[in-house]
Protein backbone atom coordinates (compact mmCIF):
# COMPACT_ATOMS: atom_id res chain seq x y z
CA MET A 1 -1.65 -6.80 -12.91
CA PRO A 2 -3.49 -4.21 -14.98
CA ASP A 3 -1.24 -1.55 -16.51
CA GLU A 4 -3.70 1.16 -15.43
CA VAL A 5 -3.34 0.17 -11.76
CA LEU A 6 0.44 0.30 -11.96
CA ARG A 7 0.32 3.64 -13.76
CA ARG A 8 -1.98 5.21 -11.15
CA LEU A 9 0.01 3.85 -8.20
CA ARG A 10 3.26 5.02 -9.77
CA ALA A 11 1.88 8.56 -10.17
CA LEU A 12 0.70 8.69 -6.54
CA CYS A 13 3.85 7.20 -5.01
CA THR A 14 6.49 9.00 -7.04
CA ALA A 15 4.88 12.34 -6.18
CA LEU A 16 6.14 11.84 -2.63
CA PRO A 17 9.58 13.33 -1.76
CA GLY A 18 12.51 10.95 -2.02
CA CYS A 19 10.37 8.06 -3.28
CA TYR A 20 11.72 5.63 -5.80
CA GLU A 21 10.32 2.57 -7.52
CA GLU A 22 11.90 -0.81 -7.97
CA ARG A 23 10.98 -4.27 -9.10
CA ALA A 24 10.39 -6.54 -6.14
CA TRP A 25 10.80 -10.33 -6.04
CA VAL A 26 7.31 -10.18 -7.50
CA GLY A 27 5.45 -7.04 -8.49
CA THR A 28 6.59 -3.47 -7.95
CA ARG A 29 7.40 -1.63 -4.75
CA TRP A 30 7.92 1.98 -3.77
CA MET A 31 10.53 2.92 -1.24
CA VAL A 32 11.91 5.83 0.70
CA ARG A 33 15.43 5.56 2.10
CA LYS A 34 15.51 1.78 1.48
CA LYS A 35 12.21 1.25 3.32
CA THR A 36 9.23 -0.13 1.44
CA PHE A 37 5.99 1.75 1.99
CA ALA A 38 3.90 0.23 -0.82
CA HIS A 39 4.02 -2.97 -2.86
CA VAL A 40 1.64 -4.04 -5.62
CA LEU A 41 1.42 -7.43 -7.23
CA GLY A 42 -0.90 -9.65 -9.15
CA ILE A 43 -1.80 -12.72 -7.12
CA SER A 44 -3.35 -16.06 -7.96
CA ASP A 45 -4.21 -19.10 -5.88
CA GLN A 46 -0.79 -20.47 -6.84
CA TYR A 47 1.11 -17.84 -4.83
CA PRO A 48 3.01 -18.64 -1.65
CA PRO A 49 0.73 -19.00 1.40
CA ALA A 50 2.15 -15.82 2.98
CA TYR A 51 0.24 -13.85 0.32
CA THR A 52 -2.88 -15.97 -0.08
CA ARG A 53 -3.53 -17.48 3.37
CA ASP A 54 -5.12 -14.35 4.85
CA ALA A 55 -6.47 -12.79 1.66
CA PRO A 56 -10.23 -12.38 1.14
CA PHE A 57 -10.21 -13.55 -2.47
CA VAL A 58 -10.23 -16.68 -4.56
CA GLY A 59 -8.57 -16.68 -7.93
CA ASP A 60 -6.65 -13.81 -9.45
CA ALA A 61 -6.43 -10.38 -7.81
CA THR A 62 -4.33 -7.26 -7.75
CA VAL A 63 -3.13 -6.61 -4.22
CA LEU A 64 -1.55 -3.53 -2.67
CA THR A 65 0.26 -3.83 0.65
CA PHE A 66 1.14 -0.79 2.71
CA ARG A 67 1.84 0.27 6.31
CA SER A 68 -0.63 1.57 8.85
CA SER A 69 -0.71 2.05 12.61
CA GLY A 70 -2.92 2.78 15.60
CA ASP A 71 -6.65 3.32 15.16
CA GLU A 72 -6.38 3.38 11.37
CA LEU A 73 -4.70 -0.05 11.36
CA ALA A 74 -7.43 -1.47 13.60
CA ALA A 75 -10.17 0.08 11.48
CA LEU A 76 -8.76 -1.14 8.17
CA THR A 77 -8.03 -4.67 9.31
CA GLY A 78 -11.43 -4.91 11.01
CA THR A 79 -13.33 -3.68 7.96
CA GLY A 80 -13.03 -6.78 5.83
CA HIS A 81 -13.00 -6.79 2.05
CA PRO A 82 -11.19 -5.17 0.30
CA PHE A 83 -8.78 -5.00 3.27
CA TYR A 84 -7.11 -7.87 5.07
CA LYS A 85 -4.28 -8.43 7.55
CA PRO A 86 -1.24 -10.34 6.26
CA ARG A 87 0.62 -12.17 9.02
CA TRP A 88 4.20 -11.24 8.15
CA HIS A 89 4.35 -7.80 9.80
CA PRO A 90 2.16 -6.13 12.45
CA GLN A 91 1.88 -2.84 10.49
CA VAL A 92 1.18 -4.29 7.03
CA VAL A 93 -2.30 -4.11 5.53
CA GLY A 94 -3.34 -5.78 2.30
CA MET A 95 -5.93 -4.32 -0.05
CA VAL A 96 -7.50 -5.93 -3.08
CA ILE A 97 -7.67 -3.30 -5.80
CA ALA A 98 -10.94 -3.78 -7.65
CA PRO A 99 -11.85 -2.01 -10.90
CA ASP A 100 -14.07 0.38 -8.91
CA ALA A 101 -11.40 1.19 -6.30
CA ASP A 102 -11.58 4.54 -4.50
CA TRP A 103 -8.36 6.19 -5.68
CA ALA A 104 -8.70 9.12 -3.29
CA GLU A 105 -8.72 6.63 -0.41
CA ILE A 106 -5.78 4.74 -1.88
CA ASN A 107 -3.85 8.00 -2.11
CA GLU A 108 -4.54 8.78 1.57
CA LEU A 109 -3.44 5.29 2.60
CA LEU A 110 -0.23 5.56 0.57
CA VAL A 111 0.60 8.97 2.04
CA GLU A 112 0.10 7.66 5.57
CA SER A 113 2.20 4.58 4.82
CA TYR A 114 4.94 6.77 3.39
CA CYS A 115 4.85 9.00 6.48
CA LEU A 116 5.35 5.97 8.73
CA ARG A 117 8.52 5.00 6.83
CA ALA A 118 10.08 8.29 5.74
CA PRO A 119 12.40 10.46 7.82
CA LYS A 120 10.80 13.47 9.53
CA THR A 121 12.50 15.90 7.16
CA LEU A 122 10.71 14.33 4.20
CA VAL A 123 7.41 13.87 6.06
CA ALA A 124 7.42 17.62 6.77
CA GLN A 125 7.25 18.22 3.00
CA VAL A 126 4.09 16.13 2.52
CA LEU A 127 0.66 17.72 2.30
CA ARG A 128 -1.65 15.79 4.63
CA PRO A 129 -5.07 16.64 6.00
CA GLY A 130 -4.60 17.99 9.53
CA SER A 131 -0.88 18.66 9.14
CA PRO A 132 0.57 22.17 9.46
CA ASN A 133 1.36 22.24 5.73
CA GLY A 134 -1.82 20.49 4.56
């Protein structure tokens, strides 16, 4: 996984209240109150099928998984590349992070994922478009 991707994701995630980072079984994940809201890892064709079976790539890739729901979940998973729908959880979306990734979009997706997992008291502290404090 490129160091620059990890650095940018770390900056976005750790700016959220109560977020912390930890090494996952593979890659790095960001959590709030013991709930993962983002996970990044470098993937190759040699990875377990749970990661590669549904992915829209061949070969090596950097993949971010996060949570989504409702219309946004349907839109993202219906869009196709760079998004895809892993099978292991109904709210998880996978995204291949390409060198030309839209980091403003990634930030919005991470904030929404965080807000699905965080307690309401922490969500109230997050600046989001359309929210009372955003």
